[in-house]
Amino acid sequence: AEGLLKFRERFNPRDLRRYPLTWSPELIEY
C-alpha cells in the first residue's frame, strides 16, 4: 500500500499525452 503513494508520479493530470494529437477546436466542435 505504501507504494501507491510513490506510484502517483505516473498520474500527472497535466501530462500533454493524456489528450490525443487530434484534440483541437475542430474535434471539440465535432
PDB file of all heavy atoms in Angstrom:
ATOM      1  N   ALA A   1       0.808  -1.207   0.000  1.00  0.00           N
ATOM      2  CA  ALA A   1       0.000   0.000   0.000  1.00  0.00           C
ATOM      3  C   ALA A   1       0.849   1.268   0.000  1.00  0.00           C
ATOM      4  O   ALA A   1       0.509   2.260  -0.653  1.00  0.00           O
ATOM      5  CB  ALA A   1      -0.944  -0.015   1.204  1.00  0.00           C
ATOM      6  N   GLU A   2       1.966   1.260   0.708  1.00  0.00           N
ATOM      7  CA  GLU A   2       2.831   2.437   0.729  1.00  0.00           C
ATOM      8  C   GLU A   2       3.312   2.793  -0.674  1.00  0.00           C
ATOM      9  O   GLU A   2       3.526   3.963  -1.001  1.00  0.00           O
ATOM     10  CB  GLU A   2       4.023   2.197   1.657  1.00  0.00           C
ATOM     11  CG  GLU A   2       3.685   2.259   3.134  1.00  0.00           C
ATOM     12  CD  GLU A   2       3.368   3.669   3.612  1.00  0.00           C
ATOM     13  OE1 GLU A   2       3.686   4.629   2.878  1.00  0.00           O
ATOM     14  OE2 GLU A   2       2.791   3.808   4.703  1.00  0.00           O
ATOM     15  N   GLY A   3       3.485   1.757  -1.515  1.00  0.00           N
ATOM     16  CA  GLY A   3       3.929   2.000  -2.880  1.00  0.00           C
ATOM     17  C   GLY A   3       2.933   2.796  -3.706  1.00  0.00           C
ATOM     18  O   GLY A   3       3.302   3.380  -4.738  1.00  0.00           O
ATOM     19  N   LEU A   4       1.670   2.821  -3.278  1.00  0.00           N
ATOM     20  CA  LEU A   4       0.679   3.608  -4.004  1.00  0.00           C
ATOM     21  C   LEU A   4       1.062   5.087  -4.043  1.00  0.00           C
ATOM     22  O   LEU A   4       0.844   5.773  -5.041  1.00  0.00           O
ATOM     23  CB  LEU A   4      -0.695   3.465  -3.342  1.00  0.00           C
ATOM     24  CG  LEU A   4      -1.434   2.143  -3.514  1.00  0.00           C
ATOM     25  CD1 LEU A   4      -2.689   2.139  -2.652  1.00  0.00           C
ATOM     26  CD2 LEU A   4      -1.797   1.901  -4.977  1.00  0.00           C
ATOM     27  N   LEU A   5       1.594   5.572  -2.937  1.00  0.00           N
ATOM     28  CA  LEU A   5       1.896   6.993  -2.870  1.00  0.00           C
ATOM     29  C   LEU A   5       3.007   7.365  -3.847  1.00  0.00           C
ATOM     30  O   LEU A   5       2.962   8.421  -4.487  1.00  0.00           O
ATOM     31  CB  LEU A   5       2.274   7.364  -1.433  1.00  0.00           C
ATOM     32  CG  LEU A   5       1.197   7.041  -0.386  1.00  0.00           C
ATOM     33  CD1 LEU A   5       1.634   7.524   0.994  1.00  0.00           C
ATOM     34  CD2 LEU A   5      -0.147   7.642  -0.771  1.00  0.00           C
ATOM     35  N   LYS A   6       4.009   6.515  -3.982  1.00  0.00           N
ATOM     36  CA  LYS A   6       5.064   6.776  -4.964  1.00  0.00           C
ATOM     37  C   LYS A   6       4.546   6.637  -6.387  1.00  0.00           C
ATOM     38  O   LYS A   6       4.943   7.377  -7.294  1.00  0.00           O
ATOM     39  CB  LYS A   6       6.244   5.829  -4.731  1.00  0.00           C
ATOM     40  CG  LYS A   6       7.389   6.044  -5.713  1.00  0.00           C
ATOM     41  CD  LYS A   6       8.597   5.223  -5.353  1.00  0.00           C
ATOM     42  CE  LYS A   6       9.709   5.393  -6.376  1.00  0.00           C
ATOM     43  NZ  LYS A   6      10.095   6.802  -6.561  1.00  0.00           N
ATOM     44  N   PHE A   7       3.612   5.695  -6.593  1.00  0.00           N
ATOM     45  CA  PHE A   7       3.105   5.443  -7.942  1.00  0.00           C
ATOM     46  C   PHE A   7       2.311   6.631  -8.484  1.00  0.00           C
ATOM     47  O   PHE A   7       2.072   6.729  -9.686  1.00  0.00           O
ATOM     48  CB  PHE A   7       2.231   4.182  -7.941  1.00  0.00           C
ATOM     49  CG  PHE A   7       2.137   3.517  -9.283  1.00  0.00           C
ATOM     50  CD1 PHE A   7       3.119   2.637  -9.704  1.00  0.00           C
ATOM     51  CD2 PHE A   7       1.065   3.773 -10.126  1.00  0.00           C
ATOM     52  CE1 PHE A   7       3.037   2.014 -10.943  1.00  0.00           C
ATOM     53  CE2 PHE A   7       0.971   3.151 -11.366  1.00  0.00           C
ATOM     54  CZ  PHE A   7       1.960   2.280 -11.766  1.00  0.00           C
ATOM     55  N   ARG A   8       1.929   7.535  -7.620  1.00  0.00           N
ATOM     56  CA  ARG A   8       1.191   8.712  -8.073  1.00  0.00           C
ATOM     57  C   ARG A   8       1.984   9.522  -9.098  1.00  0.00           C
ATOM     58  O   ARG A   8       1.411  10.308  -9.861  1.00  0.00           O
ATOM     59  CB  ARG A   8       0.821   9.592  -6.880  1.00  0.00           C
ATOM     60  CG  ARG A   8      -0.235   8.987  -5.973  1.00  0.00           C
ATOM     61  CD  ARG A   8      -0.574   9.884  -4.794  1.00  0.00           C
ATOM     62  NE  ARG A   8       0.569  10.101  -3.918  1.00  0.00           N
ATOM     63  CZ  ARG A   8       0.507  10.766  -2.768  1.00  0.00           C
ATOM     64  NH1 ARG A   8      -0.656  11.282  -2.371  1.00  0.00           N
ATOM     65  NH2 ARG A   8       1.589  10.921  -2.012  1.00  0.00           N
ATOM     66  N   GLU A   9       3.324   9.321  -9.133  1.00  0.00           N
ATOM     67  CA  GLU A   9       4.156  10.033 -10.097  1.00  0.00           C
ATOM     68  C   GLU A   9       3.736   9.741 -11.531  1.00  0.00           C
ATOM     69  O   GLU A   9       3.956  10.557 -12.440  1.00  0.00           O
ATOM     70  CB  GLU A   9       5.625   9.645  -9.907  1.00  0.00           C
ATOM     71  CG  GLU A   9       6.185  10.025  -8.547  1.00  0.00           C
ATOM     72  CD  GLU A   9       7.575   9.434  -8.319  1.00  0.00           C
ATOM     73  OE1 GLU A   9       8.047   8.692  -9.203  1.00  0.00           O
ATOM     74  OE2 GLU A   9       8.176   9.732  -7.264  1.00  0.00           O
ATOM     75  N   ARG A  10       3.146   8.573 -11.758  1.00  0.00           N
ATOM     76  CA  ARG A  10       2.720   8.197 -13.116  1.00  0.00           C
ATOM     77  C   ARG A  10       1.331   8.749 -13.450  1.00  0.00           C
ATOM     78  O   ARG A  10       0.825   8.498 -14.548  1.00  0.00           O
ATOM     79  CB  ARG A  10       2.720   6.679 -13.279  1.00  0.00           C
ATOM     80  CG  ARG A  10       4.113   6.056 -13.261  1.00  0.00           C
ATOM     81  CD  ARG A  10       4.044   4.552 -13.464  1.00  0.00           C
ATOM     82  NE  ARG A  10       5.346   3.929 -13.352  1.00  0.00           N
ATOM     83  CZ  ARG A  10       6.062   3.448 -14.373  1.00  0.00           C
ATOM     84  NH1 ARG A  10       5.593   3.548 -15.603  1.00  0.00           N
ATOM     85  NH2 ARG A  10       7.227   2.880 -14.163  1.00  0.00           N
ATOM     86  N   PHE A  11       0.723   9.468 -12.548  1.00  0.00           N
ATOM     87  CA  PHE A  11      -0.601  10.035 -12.788  1.00  0.00           C
ATOM     88  C   PHE A  11      -0.533  11.561 -12.690  1.00  0.00           C
ATOM     89  O   PHE A  11      -1.101  12.177 -11.793  1.00  0.00           O
ATOM     90  CB  PHE A  11      -1.610   9.475 -11.783  1.00  0.00           C
ATOM     91  CG  PHE A  11      -1.886   8.018 -11.945  1.00  0.00           C
ATOM     92  CD1 PHE A  11      -1.489   7.115 -10.966  1.00  0.00           C
ATOM     93  CD2 PHE A  11      -2.522   7.533 -13.072  1.00  0.00           C
ATOM     94  CE1 PHE A  11      -1.749   5.761 -11.099  1.00  0.00           C
ATOM     95  CE2 PHE A  11      -2.782   6.174 -13.226  1.00  0.00           C
ATOM     96  CZ  PHE A  11      -2.399   5.287 -12.235  1.00  0.00           C
ATOM     97  N   ASN A  12       0.169  12.147 -13.626  1.00  0.00           N
ATOM     98  CA  ASN A  12       0.253  13.603 -13.719  1.00  0.00           C
ATOM     99  C   ASN A  12      -0.917  14.087 -14.578  1.00  0.00           C
ATOM    100  O   ASN A  12      -0.963  13.820 -15.781  1.00  0.00           O
ATOM    101  CB  ASN A  12       1.574  14.020 -14.350  1.00  0.00           C
ATOM    102  CG  ASN A  12       1.670  15.528 -14.546  1.00  0.00           C
ATOM    103  OD1 ASN A  12       0.785  16.293 -14.150  1.00  0.00           O
ATOM    104  ND2 ASN A  12       2.739  15.970 -15.184  1.00  0.00           N
ATOM    105  N   PRO A  13      -1.893  14.799 -13.998  1.00  0.00           N
ATOM    106  CA  PRO A  13      -3.053  15.201 -14.789  1.00  0.00           C
ATOM    107  C   PRO A  13      -2.732  16.208 -15.882  1.00  0.00           C
ATOM    108  O   PRO A  13      -3.513  16.370 -16.822  1.00  0.00           O
ATOM    109  CB  PRO A  13      -3.998  15.803 -13.735  1.00  0.00           C
ATOM    110  CG  PRO A  13      -3.105  16.249 -12.627  1.00  0.00           C
ATOM    111  CD  PRO A  13      -1.990  15.249 -12.596  1.00  0.00           C
ATOM    112  N   ARG A  14      -1.595  16.864 -15.769  1.00  0.00           N
ATOM    113  CA  ARG A  14      -1.236  17.886 -16.759  1.00  0.00           C
ATOM    114  C   ARG A  14      -0.331  17.345 -17.874  1.00  0.00           C
ATOM    115  O   ARG A  14       0.098  18.104 -18.748  1.00  0.00           O
ATOM    116  CB  ARG A  14      -0.530  19.053 -16.067  1.00  0.00           C
ATOM    117  CG  ARG A  14      -1.378  19.724 -14.986  1.00  0.00           C
ATOM    118  CD  ARG A  14      -2.708  20.184 -15.524  1.00  0.00           C
ATOM    119  NE  ARG A  14      -3.578  20.725 -14.484  1.00  0.00           N
ATOM    120  CZ  ARG A  14      -4.875  20.920 -14.638  1.00  0.00           C
ATOM    121  NH1 ARG A  14      -5.452  20.599 -15.790  1.00  0.00           N
ATOM    122  NH2 ARG A  14      -5.592  21.407 -13.650  1.00  0.00           N
ATOM    123  N   ASP A  15      -0.041  16.060 -17.853  1.00  0.00           N
ATOM    124  CA  ASP A  15       0.768  15.472 -18.922  1.00  0.00           C
ATOM    125  C   ASP A  15       0.030  15.629 -20.252  1.00  0.00           C
ATOM    126  O   ASP A  15      -1.117  15.195 -20.392  1.00  0.00           O
ATOM    127  CB  ASP A  15       1.009  13.985 -18.626  1.00  0.00           C
ATOM    128  CG  ASP A  15       2.098  13.392 -19.500  1.00  0.00           C
ATOM    129  OD1 ASP A  15       2.021  13.555 -20.737  1.00  0.00           O
ATOM    130  OD2 ASP A  15       3.014  12.756 -18.955  1.00  0.00           O
ATOM    131  N   LEU A  16       0.688  16.254 -21.227  1.00  0.00           N
ATOM    132  CA  LEU A  16       0.041  16.529 -22.507  1.00  0.00           C
ATOM    133  C   LEU A  16      -0.376  15.260 -23.240  1.00  0.00           C
ATOM    134  O   LEU A  16      -1.260  15.291 -24.107  1.00  0.00           O
ATOM    135  CB  LEU A  16       0.970  17.367 -23.392  1.00  0.00           C
ATOM    136  CG  LEU A  16       1.299  18.769 -22.864  1.00  0.00           C
ATOM    137  CD1 LEU A  16       2.263  19.462 -23.809  1.00  0.00           C
ATOM    138  CD2 LEU A  16       0.037  19.593 -22.663  1.00  0.00           C
ATOM    139  N   ARG A  17       0.231  14.128 -22.899  1.00  0.00           N
ATOM    140  CA  ARG A  17      -0.098  12.878 -23.578  1.00  0.00           C
ATOM    141  C   ARG A  17      -1.471  12.334 -23.176  1.00  0.00           C
ATOM    142  O   ARG A  17      -1.946  11.364 -23.775  1.00  0.00           O
ATOM    143  CB  ARG A  17       0.985  11.831 -23.289  1.00  0.00           C
ATOM    144  CG  ARG A  17       2.327  12.153 -23.938  1.00  0.00           C
ATOM    145  CD  ARG A  17       3.425  11.237 -23.436  1.00  0.00           C
ATOM    146  NE  ARG A  17       3.802  11.557 -22.055  1.00  0.00           N
ATOM    147  CZ  ARG A  17       4.784  10.934 -21.398  1.00  0.00           C
ATOM    148  NH1 ARG A  17       5.463   9.955 -21.997  1.00  0.00           N
ATOM    149  NH2 ARG A  17       5.088  11.282 -20.162  1.00  0.00           N
ATOM    150  N   ARG A  18      -2.099  12.930 -22.210  1.00  0.00           N
ATOM    151  CA  ARG A  18      -3.426  12.459 -21.799  1.00  0.00           C
ATOM    152  C   ARG A  18      -4.505  12.827 -22.818  1.00  0.00           C
ATOM    153  O   ARG A  18      -5.582  12.243 -22.818  1.00  0.00           O
ATOM    154  CB  ARG A  18      -3.779  12.997 -20.410  1.00  0.00           C
ATOM    155  CG  ARG A  18      -2.779  12.535 -19.372  1.00  0.00           C
ATOM    156  CD  ARG A  18      -3.322  12.405 -17.984  1.00  0.00           C
ATOM    157  NE  ARG A  18      -2.318  11.757 -17.132  1.00  0.00           N
ATOM    158  CZ  ARG A  18      -2.157  10.461 -17.013  1.00  0.00           C
ATOM    159  NH1 ARG A  18      -2.950   9.634 -17.694  1.00  0.00           N
ATOM    160  NH2 ARG A  18      -1.210   9.952 -16.231  1.00  0.00           N
ATOM    161  N   TYR A  19      -4.233  13.773 -23.672  1.00  0.00           N
ATOM    162  CA  TYR A  19      -5.166  14.148 -24.729  1.00  0.00           C
ATOM    163  C   TYR A  19      -4.581  13.747 -26.083  1.00  0.00           C
ATOM    164  O   TYR A  19      -3.367  13.780 -26.272  1.00  0.00           O
ATOM    165  CB  TYR A  19      -5.437  15.646 -24.687  1.00  0.00           C
ATOM    166  CG  TYR A  19      -6.406  16.047 -23.588  1.00  0.00           C
ATOM    167  CD1 TYR A  19      -6.031  15.978 -22.241  1.00  0.00           C
ATOM    168  CD2 TYR A  19      -7.696  16.459 -23.894  1.00  0.00           C
ATOM    169  CE1 TYR A  19      -6.914  16.329 -21.233  1.00  0.00           C
ATOM    170  CE2 TYR A  19      -8.592  16.817 -22.885  1.00  0.00           C
ATOM    171  CZ  TYR A  19      -8.195  16.748 -21.560  1.00  0.00           C
ATOM    172  OH  TYR A  19      -9.080  17.080 -20.560  1.00  0.00           O
ATOM    173  N   PRO A  20      -5.433  13.377 -27.036  1.00  0.00           N
ATOM    174  CA  PRO A  20      -4.916  12.908 -28.327  1.00  0.00           C
ATOM    175  C   PRO A  20      -4.343  14.052 -29.159  1.00  0.00           C
ATOM    176  O   PRO A  20      -4.634  15.233 -28.918  1.00  0.00           O
ATOM    177  CB  PRO A  20      -6.161  12.321 -29.000  1.00  0.00           C
ATOM    178  CG  PRO A  20      -7.293  13.117 -28.432  1.00  0.00           C
ATOM    179  CD  PRO A  20      -6.903  13.371 -26.994  1.00  0.00           C
ATOM    180  N   LEU A  21      -3.558  13.703 -30.165  1.00  0.00           N
ATOM    181  CA  LEU A  21      -2.997  14.704 -31.062  1.00  0.00           C
ATOM    182  C   LEU A  21      -4.079  15.439 -31.828  1.00  0.00           C
ATOM    183  O   LEU A  21      -3.866  16.556 -32.313  1.00  0.00           O
ATOM    184  CB  LEU A  21      -2.025  14.037 -32.042  1.00  0.00           C
ATOM    185  CG  LEU A  21      -0.753  13.431 -31.435  1.00  0.00           C
ATOM    186  CD1 LEU A  21       0.052  12.718 -32.511  1.00  0.00           C
ATOM    187  CD2 LEU A  21       0.084  14.493 -30.746  1.00  0.00           C
ATOM    188  N   THR A  22      -5.247  14.820 -31.940  1.00  0.00           N
ATOM    189  CA  THR A  22      -6.347  15.446 -32.674  1.00  0.00           C
ATOM    190  C   THR A  22      -7.156  16.416 -31.821  1.00  0.00           C
ATOM    191  O   THR A  22      -8.115  17.019 -32.319  1.00  0.00           O
ATOM    192  CB  THR A  22      -7.302  14.369 -33.216  1.00  0.00           C
ATOM    193  OG1 THR A  22      -7.686  13.499 -32.135  1.00  0.00           O
ATOM    194  CG2 THR A  22      -6.627  13.544 -34.301  1.00  0.00           C
ATOM    195  N   TRP A  23      -6.800  16.566 -30.522  1.00  0.00           N
ATOM    196  CA  TRP A  23      -7.582  17.461 -29.675  1.00  0.00           C
ATOM    197  C   TRP A  23      -7.409  18.895 -30.169  1.00  0.00           C
ATOM    198  O   TRP A  23      -6.303  19.420 -30.225  1.00  0.00           O
ATOM    199  CB  TRP A  23      -7.143  17.354 -28.220  1.00  0.00           C
ATOM    200  CG  TRP A  23      -8.106  18.037 -27.309  1.00  0.00           C
ATOM    201  CD1 TRP A  23      -7.969  19.260 -26.719  1.00  0.00           C
ATOM    202  CD2 TRP A  23      -9.392  17.546 -26.918  1.00  0.00           C
ATOM    203  NE1 TRP A  23      -9.087  19.564 -25.978  1.00  0.00           N
ATOM    204  CE2 TRP A  23      -9.974  18.534 -26.074  1.00  0.00           C
ATOM    205  CE3 TRP A  23     -10.101  16.383 -27.183  1.00  0.00           C
ATOM    206  CZ2 TRP A  23     -11.239  18.378 -25.511  1.00  0.00           C
ATOM    207  CZ3 TRP A  23     -11.363  16.227 -26.618  1.00  0.00           C
ATOM    208  CH2 TRP A  23     -11.917  17.214 -25.792  1.00  0.00           C
ATOM    209  N   SER A  24      -8.494  19.523 -30.538  1.00  0.00           N
ATOM    210  CA  SER A  24      -8.448  20.811 -31.224  1.00  0.00           C
ATOM    211  C   SER A  24      -9.848  21.411 -31.240  1.00  0.00           C
ATOM    212  O   SER A  24     -10.834  20.727 -30.937  1.00  0.00           O
ATOM    213  CB  SER A  24      -7.979  20.607 -32.671  1.00  0.00           C
ATOM    214  OG  SER A  24      -8.934  19.790 -33.370  1.00  0.00           O
ATOM    215  N   PRO A  25      -9.985  22.683 -31.600  1.00  0.00           N
ATOM    216  CA  PRO A  25     -11.322  23.255 -31.762  1.00  0.00           C
ATOM    217  C   PRO A  25     -12.185  22.461 -32.743  1.00  0.00           C
ATOM    218  O   PRO A  25     -13.405  22.365 -32.554  1.00  0.00           O
ATOM    219  CB  PRO A  25     -11.036  24.671 -32.284  1.00  0.00           C
ATOM    220  CG  PRO A  25      -9.688  25.007 -31.715  1.00  0.00           C
ATOM    221  CD  PRO A  25      -8.927  23.713 -31.747  1.00  0.00           C
ATOM    222  N   GLU A  26     -11.557  21.885 -33.756  1.00  0.00           N
ATOM    223  CA  GLU A  26     -12.315  21.087 -34.724  1.00  0.00           C
ATOM    224  C   GLU A  26     -12.926  19.848 -34.065  1.00  0.00           C
ATOM    225  O   GLU A  26     -14.107  19.524 -34.286  1.00  0.00           O
ATOM    226  CB  GLU A  26     -11.401  20.661 -35.870  1.00  0.00           C
ATOM    227  CG  GLU A  26     -12.098  19.837 -36.944  1.00  0.00           C
ATOM    228  CD  GLU A  26     -11.146  19.396 -38.040  1.00  0.00           C
ATOM    229  OE1 GLU A  26      -9.933  19.704 -37.947  1.00  0.00           O
ATOM    230  OE2 GLU A  26     -11.609  18.739 -38.991  1.00  0.00           O
ATOM    231  N   LEU A  27     -12.123  19.140 -33.251  1.00  0.00           N
ATOM    232  CA  LEU A  27     -12.643  17.950 -32.581  1.00  0.00           C
ATOM    233  C   LEU A  27     -13.678  18.327 -31.525  1.00  0.00           C
ATOM    234  O   LEU A  27     -14.714  17.660 -31.376  1.00  0.00           O
ATOM    235  CB  LEU A  27     -11.498  17.173 -31.927  1.00  0.00           C
ATOM    236  CG  LEU A  27     -11.892  15.838 -31.274  1.00  0.00           C
ATOM    237  CD1 LEU A  27     -12.498  14.885 -32.296  1.00  0.00           C
ATOM    238  CD2 LEU A  27     -10.674  15.191 -30.610  1.00  0.00           C
ATOM    239  N   ILE A  28     -13.443  19.403 -30.798  1.00  0.00           N
ATOM    240  CA  ILE A  28     -14.413  19.871 -29.805  1.00  0.00           C
ATOM    241  C   ILE A  28     -15.750  20.170 -30.470  1.00  0.00           C
ATOM    242  O   ILE A  28     -16.816  19.793 -29.976  1.00  0.00           O
ATOM    243  CB  ILE A  28     -13.860  21.100 -29.070  1.00  0.00           C
ATOM    244  CG1 ILE A  28     -12.692  20.692 -28.168  1.00  0.00           C
ATOM    245  CG2 ILE A  28     -14.952  21.797 -28.262  1.00  0.00           C
ATOM    246  CD1 ILE A  28     -11.898  21.864 -27.630  1.00  0.00           C
ATOM    247  N   GLU A  29     -15.703  20.825 -31.626  1.00  0.00           N
ATOM    248  CA  GLU A  29     -16.941  21.140 -32.331  1.00  0.00           C
ATOM    249  C   GLU A  29     -17.648  19.861 -32.788  1.00  0.00           C
ATOM    250  O   GLU A  29     -18.891  19.792 -32.743  1.00  0.00           O
ATOM    251  CB  GLU A  29     -16.635  22.032 -33.547  1.00  0.00           C
ATOM    252  CG  GLU A  29     -17.863  22.448 -34.341  1.00  0.00           C
ATOM    253  CD  GLU A  29     -18.839  23.311 -33.541  1.00  0.00           C
ATOM    254  OE1 GLU A  29     -18.453  23.840 -32.482  1.00  0.00           O
ATOM    255  OE2 GLU A  29     -19.995  23.448 -33.996  1.00  0.00           O
ATOM    256  N   TYR A  30     -16.876  18.853 -33.184  1.00  0.00           N
ATOM    257  CA  TYR A  30     -17.497  17.581 -33.559  1.00  0.00           C
ATOM    258  C   TYR A  30     -18.299  17.008 -32.391  1.00  0.00           C
ATOM    259  O   TYR A  30     -19.459  16.598 -32.571  1.00  0.00           O
ATOM    260  CB  TYR A  30     -16.431  16.574 -33.999  1.00  0.00           C
ATOM    261  CG  TYR A  30     -16.999  15.176 -34.120  1.00  0.00           C
ATOM    262  CD1 TYR A  30     -17.693  14.793 -35.252  1.00  0.00           C
ATOM    263  CD2 TYR A  30     -16.865  14.254 -33.075  1.00  0.00           C
ATOM    264  CE1 TYR A  30     -18.258  13.519 -35.354  1.00  0.00           C
ATOM    265  CE2 TYR A  30     -17.424  12.991 -33.162  1.00  0.00           C
ATOM    266  CZ  TYR A  30     -18.114  12.622 -34.307  1.00  0.00           C
ATOM    267  OH  TYR A  30     -18.671  11.380 -34.400  1.00  0.00           O
TER     268      TYR A  30
END
